[in-house]
């Protein structure tokens, strides 16, 4: 089986890593980061839907069996896109979060720290939980630029500005997963522009982390983080896509991974490699 993943840039690598850590070489992987048009969080719904269709065409050419939308901003609009002409199944972060909150109860508001596009979509209002939305426009550009320390400092500032009563936080953009380090037990759930329809830059790697985490994690600031990157894996593992080998582990480094970006220079690819190997 071949699994496809896409994001506006490198954030979706956090989702890809979760799958590789669990399944290793059991599956082959294709990743597309639309770095030429990042961030998606500032784009209109019509722009996002147009980008997704271009990426879907690319994934169709790659003959993926499942397409994981590893971008929350565009996931908010996937149900408005007709995928009938495509041969793959689609997993949406919005659907994953909807199902998660349908089966996990919270007695206090939960913060959603996400991009402007995700907040503006209002789709979180359909989740069975009281959401405190926080739009961040600063984090993705910093992460895309490789400025992780500055991004982490800004992330901490966003956390400190949350209402005192909030202890649960949704990592509302897959880029942000790289800003959360501590992992603890969780609630159970279920650089040159190119044509984005073609492969601009290709990076293949076989060295990735095999460490698995829990569905929710806790930082030194005592916030419980709900990470959609982990929830997507959970849904896949319990779905018809997987054959039931839920505890499959491998140390095989001969992984079939194609990582593509619409724009990348040597520095960017070096940063991507460091994220995959971390």
C-alpha atoms as a PDB file:
ATOM      1  CA  UNK A   1       0.000   0.000   0.000  1.00  0.00           C
ATOM      2  CA  UNK A   2       1.216   3.494  -0.812  1.00  0.00           C
ATOM      3  CA  UNK A   3       0.329   6.375   1.523  1.00  0.00           C
ATOM      4  CA  UNK A   4       0.357  10.007   0.411  1.00  0.00           C
ATOM      5  CA  UNK A   5       0.716  13.040   2.675  1.00  0.00           C
ATOM      6  CA  UNK A   6       0.569  16.742   1.883  1.00  0.00           C
ATOM      7  CA  UNK A   7       1.010  20.037   3.656  1.00  0.00           C
ATOM      8  CA  UNK A   8       1.810  23.665   2.860  1.00  0.00           C
ATOM      9  CA  UNK A   9       5.438  22.926   3.639  1.00  0.00           C
ATOM     10  CA  UNK A  10       7.325  20.805   6.147  1.00  0.00           C
ATOM     11  CA  UNK A  11       4.735  20.697   8.952  1.00  0.00           C
ATOM     12  CA  UNK A  12       3.119  17.528   7.652  1.00  0.00           C
ATOM     13  CA  UNK A  13       6.401  15.704   8.153  1.00  0.00           C
ATOM     14  CA  UNK A  14       5.271  15.420  11.788  1.00  0.00           C
ATOM     15  CA  UNK A  15       2.387  13.230  10.566  1.00  0.00           C
ATOM     16  CA  UNK A  16       4.597  11.268   8.179  1.00  0.00           C
ATOM     17  CA  UNK A  17       7.017  10.515  11.019  1.00  0.00           C
ATOM     18  CA  UNK A  18       4.213   9.062  13.145  1.00  0.00           C
ATOM     19  CA  UNK A  19       3.331   6.613  10.372  1.00  0.00           C
ATOM     20  CA  UNK A  20       6.942   5.645   9.700  1.00  0.00           C
ATOM     21  CA  UNK A  21       7.586   5.132  13.411  1.00  0.00           C
ATOM     22  CA  UNK A  22       4.693   2.676  13.615  1.00  0.00           C
ATOM     23  CA  UNK A  23       4.762   0.936  10.236  1.00  0.00           C
ATOM     24  CA  UNK A  24       8.290   1.356   8.904  1.00  0.00           C
ATOM     25  CA  UNK A  25       8.741  -0.348   5.537  1.00  0.00           C
ATOM     26  CA  UNK A  26       5.350  -2.050   5.685  1.00  0.00           C
ATOM     27  CA  UNK A  27       4.071   0.780   3.475  1.00  0.00           C
ATOM     28  CA  UNK A  28       5.640   3.121   0.957  1.00  0.00           C
ATOM     29  CA  UNK A  29       5.244   6.889   1.419  1.00  0.00           C
ATOM     30  CA  UNK A  30       4.876   9.964  -0.762  1.00  0.00           C
ATOM     31  CA  UNK A  31       5.027  13.446   0.731  1.00  0.00           C
ATOM     32  CA  UNK A  32       4.322  16.770  -0.979  1.00  0.00           C
ATOM     33  CA  UNK A  33       5.082  20.088   0.719  1.00  0.00           C
ATOM     34  CA  UNK A  34       3.793  23.123  -1.152  1.00  0.00           C
ATOM     35  CA  UNK A  35       6.547  25.343   0.199  1.00  0.00           C
ATOM     36  CA  UNK A  36       6.323  27.706  -2.780  1.00  0.00           C
ATOM     37  CA  UNK A  37       2.898  28.856  -1.587  1.00  0.00           C
ATOM     38  CA  UNK A  38       3.349  28.531   2.172  1.00  0.00           C
ATOM     39  CA  UNK A  39       1.799  29.457   4.460  1.00  0.00           C
ATOM     40  CA  UNK A  40      -1.659  28.124   3.643  1.00  0.00           C
ATOM     41  CA  UNK A  41      -3.010  29.786   6.763  1.00  0.00           C
ATOM     42  CA  UNK A  42      -3.266  33.151   5.017  1.00  0.00           C
ATOM     43  CA  UNK A  43      -5.023  31.841   1.911  1.00  0.00           C
ATOM     44  CA  UNK A  44      -8.720  32.039   0.985  1.00  0.00           C
ATOM     45  CA  UNK A  45     -10.978  28.958   0.932  1.00  0.00           C
ATOM     46  CA  UNK A  46     -11.079  29.022  -2.871  1.00  0.00           C
ATOM     47  CA  UNK A  47      -7.296  29.176  -3.089  1.00  0.00           C
ATOM     48  CA  UNK A  48      -6.937  26.279  -0.665  1.00  0.00           C
ATOM     49  CA  UNK A  49      -9.395  24.094  -2.564  1.00  0.00           C
ATOM     50  CA  UNK A  50      -7.582  24.859  -5.815  1.00  0.00           C
ATOM     51  CA  UNK A  51      -4.225  23.908  -4.275  1.00  0.00           C
ATOM     52  CA  UNK A  52      -5.628  20.643  -2.931  1.00  0.00           C
ATOM     53  CA  UNK A  53      -6.917  19.627  -6.356  1.00  0.00           C
ATOM     54  CA  UNK A  54      -3.486  20.256  -7.888  1.00  0.00           C
ATOM     55  CA  UNK A  55      -1.880  18.129  -5.186  1.00  0.00           C
ATOM     56  CA  UNK A  56      -4.547  15.449  -5.657  1.00  0.00           C
ATOM     57  CA  UNK A  57      -3.596  15.284  -9.346  1.00  0.00           C
ATOM     58  CA  UNK A  58       0.030  14.797  -8.347  1.00  0.00           C
ATOM     59  CA  UNK A  59      -0.892  12.055  -5.858  1.00  0.00           C
ATOM     60  CA  UNK A  60      -3.044  10.346  -8.482  1.00  0.00           C
ATOM     61  CA  UNK A  61       0.002  10.209 -10.751  1.00  0.00           C
ATOM     62  CA  UNK A  62       1.957   8.702  -7.862  1.00  0.00           C
ATOM     63  CA  UNK A  63      -0.776   6.063  -7.495  1.00  0.00           C
ATOM     64  CA  UNK A  64      -1.278   6.469  -3.763  1.00  0.00           C
ATOM     65  CA  UNK A  65      -3.991   4.395  -2.099  1.00  0.00           C
ATOM     66  CA  UNK A  66      -4.665   6.791   0.771  1.00  0.00           C
ATOM     67  CA  UNK A  67      -4.154  10.566   0.883  1.00  0.00           C
ATOM     68  CA  UNK A  68      -3.660  12.087   4.327  1.00  0.00           C
ATOM     69  CA  UNK A  69      -4.333  15.793   4.512  1.00  0.00           C
ATOM     70  CA  UNK A  70      -1.590  16.837   6.926  1.00  0.00           C
ATOM     71  CA  UNK A  71      -2.636  20.480   6.686  1.00  0.00           C
ATOM     72  CA  UNK A  72      -5.365  21.730   8.995  1.00  0.00           C
ATOM     73  CA  UNK A  73      -6.007  24.903   7.001  1.00  0.00           C
ATOM     74  CA  UNK A  74      -7.013  23.004   3.863  1.00  0.00           C
ATOM     75  CA  UNK A  75      -8.608  20.121   5.802  1.00  0.00           C
ATOM     76  CA  UNK A  76     -11.354  22.492   6.901  1.00  0.00           C
ATOM     77  CA  UNK A  77     -12.610  22.547   3.296  1.00  0.00           C
ATOM     78  CA  UNK A  78     -12.034  18.989   2.061  1.00  0.00           C
ATOM     79  CA  UNK A  79     -15.715  18.101   2.331  1.00  0.00           C
ATOM     80  CA  UNK A  80     -16.362  20.828  -0.259  1.00  0.00           C
ATOM     81  CA  UNK A  81     -14.093  19.105  -2.803  1.00  0.00           C
ATOM     82  CA  UNK A  82     -15.308  16.369  -5.141  1.00  0.00           C
ATOM     83  CA  UNK A  83     -12.764  13.525  -5.104  1.00  0.00           C
ATOM     84  CA  UNK A  84     -14.959  11.174  -7.151  1.00  0.00           C
ATOM     85  CA  UNK A  85     -12.465  11.029 -10.042  1.00  0.00           C
ATOM     86  CA  UNK A  86      -9.582  10.027  -7.772  1.00  0.00           C
ATOM     87  CA  UNK A  87      -8.721   6.452  -6.890  1.00  0.00           C
ATOM     88  CA  UNK A  88      -7.533   7.063  -3.330  1.00  0.00           C
ATOM     89  CA  UNK A  89      -9.272   7.444   0.019  1.00  0.00           C
ATOM     90  CA  UNK A  90      -8.842  10.746   1.889  1.00  0.00           C
ATOM     91  CA  UNK A  91      -8.200  11.226   5.603  1.00  0.00           C
ATOM     92  CA  UNK A  92      -8.922  14.754   6.862  1.00  0.00           C
ATOM     93  CA  UNK A  93      -7.576  16.312  10.052  1.00  0.00           C
ATOM     94  CA  UNK A  94     -10.916  18.049  10.541  1.00  0.00           C
ATOM     95  CA  UNK A  95     -12.764  14.728  10.430  1.00  0.00           C
ATOM     96  CA  UNK A  96     -10.253  13.195  12.821  1.00  0.00           C
ATOM     97  CA  UNK A  97     -10.739  16.003  15.357  1.00  0.00           C
ATOM     98  CA  UNK A  98     -14.525  15.836  14.973  1.00  0.00           C
ATOM     99  CA  UNK A  99     -14.477  12.126  15.816  1.00  0.00           C
ATOM    100  CA  UNK A 100     -12.028  12.645  18.667  1.00  0.00           C
ATOM    101  CA  UNK A 101     -14.214  15.165  20.468  1.00  0.00           C
ATOM    102  CA  UNK A 102     -17.294  13.036  19.850  1.00  0.00           C
ATOM    103  CA  UNK A 103     -15.729  10.286  21.982  1.00  0.00           C
ATOM    104  CA  UNK A 104     -13.736  12.328  24.535  1.00  0.00           C
ATOM    105  CA  UNK A 105     -15.445  14.695  26.952  1.00  0.00           C
ATOM    106  CA  UNK A 106     -13.916  17.861  28.394  1.00  0.00           C
ATOM    107  CA  UNK A 107     -15.473  19.805  31.247  1.00  0.00           C
ATOM    108  CA  UNK A 108     -13.528  22.991  30.476  1.00  0.00           C
ATOM    109  CA  UNK A 109     -12.866  25.003  27.309  1.00  0.00           C
ATOM    110  CA  UNK A 110     -10.141  23.671  25.046  1.00  0.00           C
ATOM    111  CA  UNK A 111      -7.799  26.073  23.257  1.00  0.00           C
ATOM    112  CA  UNK A 112      -7.307  25.723  19.518  1.00  0.00           C
ATOM    113  CA  UNK A 113      -4.022  27.318  18.494  1.00  0.00           C
ATOM    114  CA  UNK A 114      -4.089  27.333  14.719  1.00  0.00           C
ATOM    115  CA  UNK A 115      -3.643  29.344  11.542  1.00  0.00           C
ATOM    116  CA  UNK A 116      -5.927  32.217  10.604  1.00  0.00           C
ATOM    117  CA  UNK A 117      -7.532  30.120   7.855  1.00  0.00           C
ATOM    118  CA  UNK A 118      -8.386  27.316  10.281  1.00  0.00           C
ATOM    119  CA  UNK A 119      -9.930  29.741  12.770  1.00  0.00           C
ATOM    120  CA  UNK A 120     -11.785  31.693  10.096  1.00  0.00           C
ATOM    121  CA  UNK A 121     -13.327  28.479   8.734  1.00  0.00           C
ATOM    122  CA  UNK A 122     -15.357  28.129  11.940  1.00  0.00           C
ATOM    123  CA  UNK A 123     -15.381  24.359  11.497  1.00  0.00           C
ATOM    124  CA  UNK A 124     -14.313  23.887  15.114  1.00  0.00           C
ATOM    125  CA  UNK A 125     -17.826  24.961  16.063  1.00  0.00           C
ATOM    126  CA  UNK A 126     -18.977  21.512  14.913  1.00  0.00           C
ATOM    127  CA  UNK A 127     -16.704  19.749  17.392  1.00  0.00           C
ATOM    128  CA  UNK A 128     -18.434  18.563  20.567  1.00  0.00           C
ATOM    129  CA  UNK A 129     -16.408  20.791  22.847  1.00  0.00           C
ATOM    130  CA  UNK A 130     -16.210  24.431  23.926  1.00  0.00           C
ATOM    131  CA  UNK A 131     -13.332  25.848  21.843  1.00  0.00           C
ATOM    132  CA  UNK A 132     -11.263  28.917  22.683  1.00  0.00           C
ATOM    133  CA  UNK A 133      -9.796  29.861  19.261  1.00  0.00           C
ATOM    134  CA  UNK A 134      -6.371  31.492  18.927  1.00  0.00           C
ATOM    135  CA  UNK A 135      -5.129  32.486  15.467  1.00  0.00           C
ATOM    136  CA  UNK A 136      -1.346  32.584  14.988  1.00  0.00           C
ATOM    137  CA  UNK A 137       0.237  34.147  11.930  1.00  0.00           C
ATOM    138  CA  UNK A 138       3.825  34.113  13.185  1.00  0.00           C
ATOM    139  CA  UNK A 139       4.692  30.452  13.765  1.00  0.00           C
ATOM    140  CA  UNK A 140       4.580  28.788  10.333  1.00  0.00           C
ATOM    141  CA  UNK A 141       6.853  31.349   8.600  1.00  0.00           C
ATOM    142  CA  UNK A 142       9.416  30.938  11.394  1.00  0.00           C
ATOM    143  CA  UNK A 143       9.330  27.134  11.217  1.00  0.00           C
ATOM    144  CA  UNK A 144       9.556  27.159   7.421  1.00  0.00           C
ATOM    145  CA  UNK A 145      12.604  29.413   7.755  1.00  0.00           C
ATOM    146  CA  UNK A 146      14.244  26.933  10.138  1.00  0.00           C
ATOM    147  CA  UNK A 147      14.002  29.305  13.103  1.00  0.00           C
ATOM    148  CA  UNK A 148      12.746  26.715  15.566  1.00  0.00           C
ATOM    149  CA  UNK A 149      14.052  28.365  18.721  1.00  0.00           C
ATOM    150  CA  UNK A 150      12.335  31.642  17.892  1.00  0.00           C
ATOM    151  CA  UNK A 151       9.164  29.752  17.001  1.00  0.00           C
ATOM    152  CA  UNK A 152       9.285  27.875  20.313  1.00  0.00           C
ATOM    153  CA  UNK A 153       9.640  31.149  22.207  1.00  0.00           C
ATOM    154  CA  UNK A 154       6.612  32.584  20.398  1.00  0.00           C
ATOM    155  CA  UNK A 155       4.687  29.367  21.047  1.00  0.00           C
ATOM    156  CA  UNK A 156       5.327  29.750  24.762  1.00  0.00           C
ATOM    157  CA  UNK A 157       4.058  33.319  24.581  1.00  0.00           C
ATOM    158  CA  UNK A 158       0.824  32.167  22.960  1.00  0.00           C
ATOM    159  CA  UNK A 159       0.402  29.605  25.736  1.00  0.00           C
ATOM    160  CA  UNK A 160       1.025  32.164  28.463  1.00  0.00           C
ATOM    161  CA  UNK A 161      -1.663  34.405  26.983  1.00  0.00           C
ATOM    162  CA  UNK A 162      -4.348  31.716  27.275  1.00  0.00           C
ATOM    163  CA  UNK A 163      -7.071  32.109  29.926  1.00  0.00           C
ATOM    164  CA  UNK A 164      -6.003  30.630  33.244  1.00  0.00           C
ATOM    165  CA  UNK A 165      -8.774  28.019  33.245  1.00  0.00           C
ATOM    166  CA  UNK A 166      -7.502  26.342  30.082  1.00  0.00           C
ATOM    167  CA  UNK A 167      -5.295  23.279  30.440  1.00  0.00           C
ATOM    168  CA  UNK A 168      -6.020  21.463  27.148  1.00  0.00           C
ATOM    169  CA  UNK A 169      -4.639  22.758  23.866  1.00  0.00           C
ATOM    170  CA  UNK A 170      -5.168  21.494  20.323  1.00  0.00           C
ATOM    171  CA  UNK A 171      -2.038  21.699  18.190  1.00  0.00           C
ATOM    172  CA  UNK A 172      -4.055  23.166  15.339  1.00  0.00           C
ATOM    173  CA  UNK A 173      -1.329  23.120  12.704  1.00  0.00           C
ATOM    174  CA  UNK A 174       1.021  20.225  11.977  1.00  0.00           C
ATOM    175  CA  UNK A 175       3.951  22.658  11.878  1.00  0.00           C
ATOM    176  CA  UNK A 176       3.365  23.313  15.579  1.00  0.00           C
ATOM    177  CA  UNK A 177       3.992  19.663  16.473  1.00  0.00           C
ATOM    178  CA  UNK A 178       7.704  20.390  16.138  1.00  0.00           C
ATOM    179  CA  UNK A 179       7.377  22.943  18.960  1.00  0.00           C
ATOM    180  CA  UNK A 180       6.101  20.418  21.536  1.00  0.00           C
ATOM    181  CA  UNK A 181       8.743  18.139  22.999  1.00  0.00           C
ATOM    182  CA  UNK A 182       7.523  16.413  26.193  1.00  0.00           C
ATOM    183  CA  UNK A 183       5.278  13.344  25.819  1.00  0.00           C
ATOM    184  CA  UNK A 184       3.118  11.823  28.552  1.00  0.00           C
ATOM    185  CA  UNK A 185       0.195   9.363  28.827  1.00  0.00           C
ATOM    186  CA  UNK A 186      -2.981  10.479  27.103  1.00  0.00           C
ATOM    187  CA  UNK A 187      -6.684   9.988  26.869  1.00  0.00           C
ATOM    188  CA  UNK A 188      -7.476   7.263  24.407  1.00  0.00           C
ATOM    189  CA  UNK A 189      -9.283   8.137  21.186  1.00  0.00           C
ATOM    190  CA  UNK A 190     -10.539   6.035  18.727  1.00  0.00           C
ATOM    191  CA  UNK A 191      14.412  27.794  -3.225  1.00  0.00           C
ATOM    192  CA  UNK A 192      13.304  28.315  -6.856  1.00  0.00           C
ATOM    193  CA  UNK A 193       9.640  28.443  -7.852  1.00  0.00           C
ATOM    194  CA  UNK A 194       8.369  25.548  -9.922  1.00  0.00           C
ATOM    195  CA  UNK A 195       5.090  24.274 -11.316  1.00  0.00           C
ATOM    196  CA  UNK A 196       3.374  22.659  -8.319  1.00  0.00           C
ATOM    197  CA  UNK A 197       1.901  19.977 -10.582  1.00  0.00           C
ATOM    198  CA  UNK A 198       5.425  18.766 -11.198  1.00  0.00           C
ATOM    199  CA  UNK A 199       8.150  17.706  -8.799  1.00  0.00           C
ATOM    200  CA  UNK A 200      10.371  20.675  -8.117  1.00  0.00           C
ATOM    201  CA  UNK A 201      12.726  19.227  -5.552  1.00  0.00           C
ATOM    202  CA  UNK A 202      12.939  15.621  -4.426  1.00  0.00           C
ATOM    203  CA  UNK A 203      14.431  14.395  -1.174  1.00  0.00           C
ATOM    204  CA  UNK A 204      14.682  10.710  -0.370  1.00  0.00           C
ATOM    205  CA  UNK A 205      15.698   9.569   3.089  1.00  0.00           C
ATOM    206  CA  UNK A 206      15.789   6.303   5.008  1.00  0.00           C
ATOM    207  CA  UNK A 207      16.892   7.509   8.420  1.00  0.00           C
ATOM    208  CA  UNK A 208      13.970   8.507  10.660  1.00  0.00           C
ATOM    209  CA  UNK A 209      13.018   8.323  14.305  1.00  0.00           C
ATOM    210  CA  UNK A 210      11.234   5.149  15.419  1.00  0.00           C
ATOM    211  CA  UNK A 211      10.038   6.518  18.763  1.00  0.00           C
ATOM    212  CA  UNK A 212       6.272   6.513  19.238  1.00  0.00           C
ATOM    213  CA  UNK A 213       4.373   8.973  21.415  1.00  0.00           C
ATOM    214  CA  UNK A 214       0.931   9.170  23.007  1.00  0.00           C
ATOM    215  CA  UNK A 215      -2.135  10.884  21.628  1.00  0.00           C
ATOM    216  CA  UNK A 216      -1.912  13.792  24.045  1.00  0.00           C
ATOM    217  CA  UNK A 217       1.239  15.234  25.511  1.00  0.00           C
ATOM    218  CA  UNK A 218       2.144  17.609  28.300  1.00  0.00           C
ATOM    219  CA  UNK A 219       4.644  20.441  28.309  1.00  0.00           C
ATOM    220  CA  UNK A 220       6.636  21.986  31.113  1.00  0.00           C
ATOM    221  CA  UNK A 221       3.874  24.606  31.302  1.00  0.00           C
ATOM    222  CA  UNK A 222       1.390  21.927  32.401  1.00  0.00           C
ATOM    223  CA  UNK A 223      -0.756  22.055  29.292  1.00  0.00           C
ATOM    224  CA  UNK A 224      -2.176  18.867  27.812  1.00  0.00           C
ATOM    225  CA  UNK A 225      -1.663  18.928  24.057  1.00  0.00           C
ATOM    226  CA  UNK A 226      -3.986  17.203  21.616  1.00  0.00           C
ATOM    227  CA  UNK A 227      -1.850  16.411  18.585  1.00  0.00           C
ATOM    228  CA  UNK A 228      -3.771  15.682  15.342  1.00  0.00           C
ATOM    229  CA  UNK A 229      -0.612  14.073  13.929  1.00  0.00           C
ATOM    230  CA  UNK A 230      -1.144  11.263  16.425  1.00  0.00           C
ATOM    231  CA  UNK A 231      -4.915  11.191  16.014  1.00  0.00           C
ATOM    232  CA  UNK A 232      -4.571  10.639  12.267  1.00  0.00           C
ATOM    233  CA  UNK A 233      -2.395   7.618  12.934  1.00  0.00           C
ATOM    234  CA  UNK A 234      -4.930   6.347  15.465  1.00  0.00           C
ATOM    235  CA  UNK A 235      -7.772   6.639  12.964  1.00  0.00           C
ATOM    236  CA  UNK A 236      -5.770   4.939  10.228  1.00  0.00           C
ATOM    237  CA  UNK A 237      -4.801   2.091  12.548  1.00  0.00           C
ATOM    238  CA  UNK A 238      -8.451   1.468  13.424  1.00  0.00           C
ATOM    239  CA  UNK A 239      -9.772   1.863   9.894  1.00  0.00           C
ATOM    240  CA  UNK A 240     -10.354  -0.456   6.966  1.00  0.00           C
ATOM    241  CA  UNK A 241      -7.120   0.825   5.414  1.00  0.00           C
ATOM    242  CA  UNK A 242      -4.956  -1.086   7.864  1.00  0.00           C
ATOM    243  CA  UNK A 243      -4.847  -4.877   7.959  1.00  0.00           C
ATOM    244  CA  UNK A 244      -4.850  -5.157  11.730  1.00  0.00           C
ATOM    245  CA  UNK A 245      -1.113  -5.357  12.439  1.00  0.00           C
ATOM    246  CA  UNK A 246      -1.455  -2.565  14.962  1.00  0.00           C
ATOM    247  CA  UNK A 247       1.704  -3.442  16.866  1.00  0.00           C
ATOM    248  CA  UNK A 248       3.876  -3.758  13.781  1.00  0.00           C
ATOM    249  CA  UNK A 249       7.405  -2.491  14.366  1.00  0.00           C
ATOM    250  CA  UNK A 250      10.486  -2.636  12.207  1.00  0.00           C
ATOM    251  CA  UNK A 251      14.114  -1.620  12.350  1.00  0.00           C
ATOM    252  CA  UNK A 252      14.389  -1.958   8.590  1.00  0.00           C
ATOM    253  CA  UNK A 253      15.997   1.179   7.203  1.00  0.00           C
ATOM    254  CA  UNK A 254      15.200   0.332   3.582  1.00  0.00           C
ATOM    255  CA  UNK A 255      12.187   2.620   3.557  1.00  0.00           C
ATOM    256  CA  UNK A 256      10.466   3.669   0.350  1.00  0.00           C
ATOM    257  CA  UNK A 257       9.948   7.416   0.904  1.00  0.00           C
ATOM    258  CA  UNK A 258       9.561  10.147  -1.688  1.00  0.00           C
ATOM    259  CA  UNK A 259       9.515  13.668  -0.238  1.00  0.00           C
ATOM    260  CA  UNK A 260       8.711  16.462  -2.672  1.00  0.00           C
ATOM    261  CA  UNK A 261       8.626  20.235  -2.324  1.00  0.00           C
ATOM    262  CA  UNK A 262       7.456  22.892  -4.764  1.00  0.00           C
ATOM    263  CA  UNK A 263      10.274  25.164  -3.600  1.00  0.00           C
ATOM    264  CA  UNK A 264      13.454  24.296  -1.723  1.00  0.00           C
ATOM    265  CA  UNK A 265      17.102  25.209  -1.521  1.00  0.00           C
ATOM    266  CA  UNK A 266      19.975  23.314   0.093  1.00  0.00           C
ATOM    267  CA  UNK A 267      19.362  24.920   3.489  1.00  0.00           C
ATOM    268  CA  UNK A 268      15.690  23.970   3.419  1.00  0.00           C
ATOM    269  CA  UNK A 269      16.429  20.366   2.492  1.00  0.00           C
ATOM    270  CA  UNK A 270      19.046  20.145   5.236  1.00  0.00           C
ATOM    271  CA  UNK A 271      16.456  21.369   7.739  1.00  0.00           C
ATOM    272  CA  UNK A 272      13.903  18.843   6.436  1.00  0.00           C
ATOM    273  CA  UNK A 273      16.437  16.048   6.855  1.00  0.00           C
ATOM    274  CA  UNK A 274      17.147  17.119  10.433  1.00  0.00           C
ATOM    275  CA  UNK A 275      13.415  17.029  11.252  1.00  0.00           C
ATOM    276  CA  UNK A 276      13.035  13.543   9.803  1.00  0.00           C
ATOM    277  CA  UNK A 277      16.081  12.246  11.633  1.00  0.00           C
ATOM    278  CA  UNK A 278      15.245  13.841  14.990  1.00  0.00           C
END
